[in-house]
Amino acid sequence: MRKAILFWIVLLLLTACSNGNGASQNTQFSENDAIAKVITNERSVRFSSDVSFPTEAKRVKGIIHGGGPAPGITIPGEFESSAKRVSEGTFIVTLTEYWKAEDFRDSTEKKGTLSAYWKYEVTPNKIKFLEQGGDTSPDLIE
């Protein structure tokens, strides 16, 4: 009788542990995890190490380091990171930078606040670049 009870207790504990771990792996990957994953990866691929996108969902002030003759231009701006869950464990991460047109004018001579964005599909195991758009970012000017 004791062996039977012990068997059922062990079986119950093993079942509870395996179900809990499987479920928690999917729900632990948050929007901020997805953003941090993109920022960490893109600093070595798409952006220089001095780009100031936050590693969590928020908007911060910073300096956009642009191109041009050395040492290049610097423009006050804002950096925003956001993420939208599209399915369990999958997010669309958007990185957006903002700057005033009078601080940097591209060839279209736009007015007001300009912005450029980059979008990614992110899972715990993969980052897929989707698109970029908006105005021409000062950091892309050579």
N, C-alpha and C. Protein backbone atom coordinates (compact mmCIF):
# COMPACT_ATOMS: atom_id res chain seq x y z
N MET A 1 0.82 -1.18 0.00
CA MET A 1 0.00 0.00 0.00
C MET A 1 0.87 1.25 0.00
N ARG A 2 1.94 1.27 0.83
CA ARG A 2 2.82 2.43 0.87
C ARG A 2 3.50 2.66 -0.48
N LYS A 3 3.92 1.59 -1.13
CA LYS A 3 4.57 1.71 -2.44
C LYS A 3 3.61 2.32 -3.45
N ALA A 4 2.36 1.93 -3.40
CA ALA A 4 1.37 2.47 -4.33
C ALA A 4 1.16 3.95 -4.09
N ILE A 5 1.05 4.36 -2.83
CA ILE A 5 0.87 5.77 -2.50
C ILE A 5 2.09 6.57 -2.92
N LEU A 6 3.28 6.06 -2.62
CA LEU A 6 4.52 6.73 -3.00
C LEU A 6 4.62 6.87 -4.52
N PHE A 7 4.25 5.81 -5.24
CA PHE A 7 4.26 5.85 -6.70
C PHE A 7 3.37 6.97 -7.23
N TRP A 8 2.16 7.08 -6.69
CA TRP A 8 1.21 8.11 -7.16
C TRP A 8 1.68 9.53 -6.79
N ILE A 9 2.30 9.67 -5.65
CA ILE A 9 2.82 10.98 -5.25
C ILE A 9 3.95 11.41 -6.19
N VAL A 10 4.87 10.50 -6.46
CA VAL A 10 5.98 10.80 -7.37
C VAL A 10 5.44 11.11 -8.77
N LEU A 11 4.51 10.33 -9.25
CA LEU A 11 3.93 10.54 -10.56
C LEU A 11 3.23 11.91 -10.64
N LEU A 12 2.50 12.25 -9.60
CA LEU A 12 1.80 13.54 -9.54
C LEU A 12 2.79 14.69 -9.56
N LEU A 13 3.87 14.58 -8.78
CA LEU A 13 4.88 15.63 -8.74
C LEU A 13 5.58 15.79 -10.09
N LEU A 14 5.93 14.69 -10.73
CA LEU A 14 6.58 14.76 -12.04
C LEU A 14 5.66 15.37 -13.08
N THR A 15 4.40 15.02 -13.05
CA THR A 15 3.43 15.58 -13.99
C THR A 15 3.27 17.07 -13.77
N ALA A 16 3.15 17.50 -12.52
CA ALA A 16 2.98 18.92 -12.21
C ALA A 16 4.21 19.72 -12.64
N CYS A 17 5.39 19.19 -12.41
CA CYS A 17 6.62 19.89 -12.78
C CYS A 17 6.75 20.02 -14.28
N SER A 18 6.46 18.96 -15.03
CA SER A 18 6.63 19.03 -16.48
C SER A 18 5.61 19.97 -17.11
N ASN A 19 4.40 20.00 -16.64
CA ASN A 19 3.39 20.92 -17.20
C ASN A 19 3.73 22.35 -16.87
N GLY A 20 4.17 22.61 -15.66
CA GLY A 20 4.50 23.97 -15.25
C GLY A 20 5.66 24.53 -16.03
N ASN A 21 6.70 23.74 -16.28
CA ASN A 21 7.85 24.24 -17.01
C ASN A 21 7.51 24.55 -18.45
N GLY A 22 6.77 23.69 -19.10
CA GLY A 22 6.40 23.91 -20.50
C GLY A 22 5.58 25.16 -20.66
N ALA A 23 4.63 25.40 -19.79
CA ALA A 23 3.78 26.58 -19.90
C ALA A 23 4.56 27.85 -19.58
N SER A 24 5.44 27.79 -18.60
CA SER A 24 6.13 29.01 -18.21
C SER A 24 7.15 29.45 -19.24
N GLN A 25 7.71 28.53 -20.04
CA GLN A 25 8.67 28.93 -21.05
C GLN A 25 8.02 29.84 -22.09
N ASN A 26 6.78 29.59 -22.44
CA ASN A 26 6.10 30.42 -23.43
C ASN A 26 5.70 31.77 -22.87
N THR A 27 5.27 31.82 -21.62
CA THR A 27 4.76 33.07 -21.07
C THR A 27 5.86 33.94 -20.48
N GLN A 28 7.05 33.42 -20.28
CA GLN A 28 8.12 34.21 -19.70
C GLN A 28 8.74 35.17 -20.71
N PHE A 29 8.64 34.92 -21.99
CA PHE A 29 9.22 35.80 -23.01
C PHE A 29 8.27 36.98 -23.18
N SER A 30 8.67 38.14 -22.65
CA SER A 30 7.80 39.31 -22.60
C SER A 30 8.14 40.30 -23.71
N GLU A 31 7.34 41.37 -23.78
CA GLU A 31 7.62 42.42 -24.77
C GLU A 31 8.99 43.05 -24.51
N ASN A 32 9.35 43.25 -23.25
CA ASN A 32 10.66 43.83 -22.94
C ASN A 32 11.80 42.87 -23.27
N ASP A 33 11.56 41.56 -23.14
CA ASP A 33 12.57 40.58 -23.56
C ASP A 33 12.80 40.67 -25.07
N ALA A 34 11.71 40.81 -25.81
CA ALA A 34 11.80 40.91 -27.27
C ALA A 34 12.56 42.17 -27.68
N ILE A 35 12.25 43.28 -27.03
CA ILE A 35 12.94 44.54 -27.33
C ILE A 35 14.43 44.42 -27.02
N ALA A 36 14.76 43.91 -25.85
CA ALA A 36 16.17 43.77 -25.46
C ALA A 36 16.92 42.87 -26.43
N LYS A 37 16.27 41.81 -26.91
CA LYS A 37 16.90 40.89 -27.86
C LYS A 37 17.24 41.62 -29.16
N VAL A 38 16.32 42.45 -29.65
CA VAL A 38 16.57 43.20 -30.88
C VAL A 38 17.69 44.21 -30.66
N ILE A 39 17.63 44.97 -29.57
CA ILE A 39 18.66 45.99 -29.31
C ILE A 39 20.04 45.36 -29.24
N THR A 40 20.16 44.27 -28.51
CA THR A 40 21.45 43.59 -28.36
C THR A 40 21.97 43.11 -29.71
N ASN A 41 21.10 42.51 -30.52
CA ASN A 41 21.50 41.99 -31.82
C ASN A 41 21.80 43.11 -32.81
N GLU A 42 20.96 44.11 -32.87
CA GLU A 42 21.09 45.14 -33.89
C GLU A 42 22.24 46.10 -33.64
N ARG A 43 22.71 46.20 -32.41
CA ARG A 43 23.89 47.05 -32.15
C ARG A 43 25.09 46.53 -32.92
N SER A 44 25.14 45.24 -33.16
CA SER A 44 26.28 44.69 -33.89
C SER A 44 25.99 44.53 -35.38
N VAL A 45 24.71 44.66 -35.79
CA VAL A 45 24.35 44.43 -37.18
C VAL A 45 23.95 45.72 -37.90
N ARG A 46 22.98 46.44 -37.37
CA ARG A 46 22.37 47.56 -38.09
C ARG A 46 22.75 48.92 -37.52
N PHE A 47 22.89 49.02 -36.21
CA PHE A 47 23.14 50.31 -35.56
C PHE A 47 24.52 50.31 -34.91
N SER A 48 25.06 51.51 -34.75
CA SER A 48 26.32 51.62 -34.02
C SER A 48 26.06 51.46 -32.53
N SER A 49 27.11 51.24 -31.77
CA SER A 49 26.96 50.99 -30.34
C SER A 49 26.49 52.22 -29.57
N ASP A 50 26.56 53.41 -30.19
CA ASP A 50 26.14 54.61 -29.46
C ASP A 50 24.67 54.98 -29.71
N VAL A 51 23.93 54.17 -30.44
CA VAL A 51 22.49 54.41 -30.62
C VAL A 51 21.80 54.12 -29.31
N SER A 52 20.88 54.99 -28.92
CA SER A 52 20.32 54.97 -27.57
C SER A 52 18.91 54.42 -27.44
N PHE A 53 18.53 53.43 -28.24
CA PHE A 53 17.20 52.85 -28.07
C PHE A 53 17.11 52.16 -26.71
N PRO A 54 16.04 52.41 -25.96
CA PRO A 54 15.90 51.74 -24.66
C PRO A 54 15.62 50.25 -24.84
N THR A 55 16.07 49.46 -23.88
CA THR A 55 15.89 48.01 -23.95
C THR A 55 14.55 47.57 -23.35
N GLU A 56 13.67 48.53 -23.11
CA GLU A 56 12.31 48.23 -22.65
C GLU A 56 11.37 49.20 -23.35
N ALA A 57 10.07 48.94 -23.26
CA ALA A 57 9.07 49.76 -23.95
C ALA A 57 8.99 51.15 -23.30
N LYS A 58 9.62 52.13 -23.96
CA LYS A 58 9.53 53.52 -23.52
C LYS A 58 10.21 54.41 -24.54
N ARG A 59 10.13 55.72 -24.30
CA ARG A 59 10.74 56.74 -25.18
C ARG A 59 11.69 57.57 -24.34
N VAL A 60 12.92 57.75 -24.85
CA VAL A 60 13.95 58.49 -24.10
C VAL A 60 14.61 59.52 -25.01
N LYS A 61 15.13 60.57 -24.40
CA LYS A 61 15.90 61.59 -25.13
C LYS A 61 17.33 61.09 -25.33
N GLY A 62 17.95 61.54 -26.41
CA GLY A 62 19.32 61.13 -26.68
C GLY A 62 19.90 61.95 -27.81
N ILE A 63 21.02 61.51 -28.31
CA ILE A 63 21.72 62.18 -29.39
C ILE A 63 21.81 61.22 -30.58
N ILE A 64 21.40 61.72 -31.74
CA ILE A 64 21.54 60.95 -32.98
C ILE A 64 22.89 61.33 -33.58
N HIS A 65 23.72 60.35 -33.79
CA HIS A 65 25.04 60.56 -34.39
C HIS A 65 24.92 60.31 -35.88
N GLY A 66 25.04 61.37 -36.65
CA GLY A 66 24.85 61.28 -38.09
C GLY A 66 26.14 61.15 -38.84
N GLY A 67 25.99 61.06 -40.14
CA GLY A 67 27.13 60.90 -41.03
C GLY A 67 27.79 62.23 -41.33
N GLY A 68 28.40 62.28 -42.49
CA GLY A 68 29.12 63.47 -42.91
C GLY A 68 30.59 63.33 -42.60
N PRO A 69 31.36 64.37 -42.92
CA PRO A 69 32.80 64.31 -42.66
C PRO A 69 33.07 64.10 -41.16
N ALA A 70 34.14 63.40 -40.85
CA ALA A 70 34.50 63.12 -39.46
C ALA A 70 34.59 64.40 -38.67
N PRO A 71 34.06 64.47 -37.50
CA PRO A 71 33.51 63.37 -36.70
C PRO A 71 32.02 63.12 -36.92
N GLY A 72 31.45 63.72 -37.94
CA GLY A 72 30.02 63.55 -38.20
C GLY A 72 29.20 64.57 -37.44
N ILE A 73 27.89 64.51 -37.64
CA ILE A 73 27.00 65.46 -36.99
C ILE A 73 26.35 64.81 -35.77
N THR A 74 25.91 65.64 -34.85
CA THR A 74 25.12 65.16 -33.72
C THR A 74 23.86 66.01 -33.64
N ILE A 75 22.73 65.34 -33.43
CA ILE A 75 21.44 66.00 -33.42
C ILE A 75 20.66 65.52 -32.20
N PRO A 76 20.06 66.43 -31.43
CA PRO A 76 19.21 65.98 -30.33
C PRO A 76 18.00 65.24 -30.90
N GLY A 77 17.63 64.19 -30.25
CA GLY A 77 16.49 63.41 -30.71
C GLY A 77 15.88 62.60 -29.59
N GLU A 78 14.95 61.74 -29.96
CA GLU A 78 14.33 60.81 -29.03
C GLU A 78 14.31 59.42 -29.66
N PHE A 79 14.45 58.43 -28.81
CA PHE A 79 14.47 57.04 -29.23
C PHE A 79 13.33 56.31 -28.53
N GLU A 80 12.52 55.58 -29.29
CA GLU A 80 11.39 54.85 -28.72
C GLU A 80 11.46 53.38 -29.12
N SER A 81 11.26 52.53 -28.13
CA SER A 81 11.16 51.09 -28.35
C SER A 81 9.77 50.64 -27.95
N SER A 82 9.13 49.82 -28.78
CA SER A 82 7.81 49.29 -28.44
C SER A 82 7.70 47.87 -28.99
N ALA A 83 6.77 47.12 -28.43
CA ALA A 83 6.53 45.76 -28.89
C ALA A 83 5.05 45.45 -28.80
N LYS A 84 4.57 44.71 -29.78
CA LYS A 84 3.17 44.29 -29.81
C LYS A 84 3.13 42.77 -29.98
N ARG A 85 2.44 42.11 -29.06
CA ARG A 85 2.31 40.64 -29.15
C ARG A 85 1.39 40.29 -30.31
N VAL A 86 1.86 39.42 -31.20
CA VAL A 86 1.03 38.98 -32.32
C VAL A 86 0.54 37.55 -32.13
N SER A 87 1.24 36.79 -31.31
CA SER A 87 0.81 35.45 -30.91
C SER A 87 1.64 35.06 -29.70
N GLU A 88 1.36 33.92 -29.13
CA GLU A 88 2.09 33.48 -27.93
C GLU A 88 3.58 33.36 -28.25
N GLY A 89 4.39 34.19 -27.60
CA GLY A 89 5.84 34.13 -27.78
C GLY A 89 6.36 34.85 -29.01
N THR A 90 5.50 35.56 -29.75
CA THR A 90 5.93 36.29 -30.94
C THR A 90 5.50 37.74 -30.83
N PHE A 91 6.46 38.64 -31.08
CA PHE A 91 6.21 40.07 -30.97
C PHE A 91 6.68 40.78 -32.24
N ILE A 92 6.03 41.90 -32.54
CA ILE A 92 6.54 42.84 -33.53
C ILE A 92 7.17 43.98 -32.73
N VAL A 93 8.47 44.13 -32.86
CA VAL A 93 9.22 45.18 -32.16
C VAL A 93 9.45 46.31 -33.15
N THR A 94 9.15 47.53 -32.70
CA THR A 94 9.37 48.73 -33.52
C THR A 94 10.31 49.66 -32.78
N LEU A 95 11.38 50.05 -33.46
CA LEU A 95 12.32 51.04 -32.94
C LEU A 95 12.13 52.30 -33.78
N THR A 96 11.87 53.42 -33.11
CA THR A 96 11.62 54.68 -33.82
C THR A 96 12.50 55.77 -33.24
N GLU A 97 13.11 56.57 -34.12
CA GLU A 97 13.86 57.73 -33.66
C GLU A 97 13.19 58.98 -34.21
N TYR A 98 13.20 60.04 -33.40
CA TYR A 98 12.55 61.30 -33.73
C TYR A 98 13.57 62.43 -33.63
N TRP A 99 13.46 63.42 -34.51
CA TRP A 99 14.30 64.60 -34.46
C TRP A 99 13.55 65.76 -35.11
N LYS A 100 13.97 66.97 -34.80
CA LYS A 100 13.33 68.16 -35.37
C LYS A 100 13.94 68.45 -36.74
N ALA A 101 13.08 68.78 -37.67
CA ALA A 101 13.53 69.05 -39.03
C ALA A 101 14.54 70.19 -39.07
N GLU A 102 14.34 71.20 -38.23
CA GLU A 102 15.27 72.34 -38.27
C GLU A 102 16.66 71.98 -37.76
N ASP A 103 16.78 70.87 -37.02
CA ASP A 103 18.10 70.42 -36.56
C ASP A 103 18.83 69.64 -37.65
N PHE A 104 18.07 69.03 -38.55
CA PHE A 104 18.66 68.27 -39.65
C PHE A 104 17.65 68.25 -40.79
N ARG A 105 18.03 68.77 -41.91
CA ARG A 105 17.11 68.79 -43.05
C ARG A 105 17.62 67.82 -44.11
N ASP A 106 16.71 66.95 -44.55
CA ASP A 106 17.07 66.10 -45.68
C ASP A 106 16.72 66.86 -46.96
N SER A 107 16.84 66.25 -48.09
CA SER A 107 16.66 66.95 -49.36
C SER A 107 15.22 67.39 -49.61
N THR A 108 14.27 66.91 -48.82
CA THR A 108 12.87 67.29 -49.05
C THR A 108 12.48 68.53 -48.28
N GLU A 109 13.35 69.03 -47.41
CA GLU A 109 13.08 70.24 -46.62
C GLU A 109 11.76 70.16 -45.87
N LYS A 110 11.50 69.06 -45.20
CA LYS A 110 10.28 68.90 -44.40
C LYS A 110 10.36 69.78 -43.16
N LYS A 111 9.21 70.01 -42.55
CA LYS A 111 9.12 70.83 -41.33
C LYS A 111 8.60 69.97 -40.18
N GLY A 112 8.82 70.46 -38.94
CA GLY A 112 8.28 69.78 -37.77
C GLY A 112 9.16 68.65 -37.29
N THR A 113 8.52 67.64 -36.71
CA THR A 113 9.25 66.49 -36.19
C THR A 113 9.30 65.40 -37.24
N LEU A 114 10.49 64.90 -37.49
CA LEU A 114 10.69 63.81 -38.44
C LEU A 114 10.95 62.52 -37.67
N SER A 115 10.76 61.39 -38.33
CA SER A 115 11.00 60.10 -37.66
C SER A 115 11.38 59.03 -38.67
N ALA A 116 12.09 58.06 -38.18
CA ALA A 116 12.43 56.86 -38.95
C ALA A 116 12.18 55.67 -38.05
N TYR A 117 11.76 54.54 -38.64
CA TYR A 117 11.47 53.35 -37.83
C TYR A 117 12.05 52.10 -38.48
N TRP A 118 12.23 51.08 -37.62
CA TRP A 118 12.69 49.76 -38.02
C TRP A 118 11.79 48.75 -37.32
N LYS A 119 11.28 47.74 -38.05
CA LYS A 119 10.38 46.74 -37.46
C LYS A 119 10.98 45.34 -37.59
N TYR A 120 10.72 44.55 -36.54
CA TYR A 120 11.25 43.19 -36.46
C TYR A 120 10.18 42.25 -35.93
N GLU A 121 10.19 41.00 -36.40
CA GLU A 121 9.39 39.94 -35.78
C GLU A 121 10.35 39.17 -34.88
N VAL A 122 9.95 38.99 -33.62
CA VAL A 122 10.86 38.42 -32.64
C VAL A 122 10.19 37.28 -31.88
N THR A 123 10.91 36.17 -31.77
CA THR A 123 10.51 35.04 -30.93
C THR A 123 11.67 34.77 -29.99
N PRO A 124 11.51 33.88 -29.03
CA PRO A 124 12.65 33.57 -28.15
C PRO A 124 13.88 33.06 -28.91
N ASN A 125 13.68 32.49 -30.11
CA ASN A 125 14.78 31.88 -30.84
C ASN A 125 15.20 32.61 -32.11
N LYS A 126 14.44 33.67 -32.51
CA LYS A 126 14.71 34.25 -33.83
C LYS A 126 14.36 35.74 -33.87
N ILE A 127 15.14 36.47 -34.67
CA ILE A 127 14.82 37.86 -34.99
C ILE A 127 14.77 37.95 -36.52
N LYS A 128 13.66 38.47 -37.02
CA LYS A 128 13.50 38.63 -38.47
C LYS A 128 13.24 40.10 -38.76
N PHE A 129 14.14 40.74 -39.53
CA PHE A 129 13.93 42.13 -39.92
C PHE A 129 12.77 42.17 -40.90
N LEU A 130 11.80 43.08 -40.66
CA LEU A 130 10.63 43.19 -41.52
C LEU A 130 10.72 44.38 -42.47
N GLU A 131 10.94 45.58 -41.92
CA GLU A 131 10.96 46.77 -42.78
C GLU A 131 11.53 47.96 -42.03
N GLN A 132 11.89 48.97 -42.81
CA GLN A 132 12.23 50.27 -42.24
C GLN A 132 11.53 51.31 -43.08
N GLY A 133 11.24 52.46 -42.46
CA GLY A 133 10.52 53.49 -43.19
C GLY A 133 10.59 54.81 -42.48
N GLY A 134 9.78 55.73 -42.97
CA GLY A 134 9.76 57.07 -42.41
C GLY A 134 10.72 57.97 -43.16
N ASP A 135 11.21 58.97 -42.47
CA ASP A 135 12.14 59.93 -43.06
C ASP A 135 13.55 59.36 -43.06
N THR A 136 14.43 59.98 -43.86
CA THR A 136 15.82 59.54 -43.89
C THR A 136 16.50 59.94 -42.59
N SER A 137 16.95 58.94 -41.85
CA SER A 137 17.58 59.17 -40.57
C SER A 137 18.92 59.86 -40.73
N PRO A 138 19.23 60.82 -39.86
CA PRO A 138 20.55 61.47 -39.91
C PRO A 138 21.71 60.49 -39.79
N ASP A 139 21.50 59.37 -39.08
CA ASP A 139 22.60 58.43 -38.93
C ASP A 139 22.85 57.60 -40.19
N LEU A 140 21.99 57.75 -41.22
CA LEU A 140 22.20 57.05 -42.48
C LEU A 140 22.89 57.93 -43.52
N ILE A 141 23.07 59.19 -43.21
CA ILE A 141 23.70 60.12 -44.15
C ILE A 141 25.22 59.94 -44.09
N GLU A 142 25.83 59.87 -45.25
CA GLU A 142 27.29 59.71 -45.31
C GLU A 142 27.98 61.01 -45.57
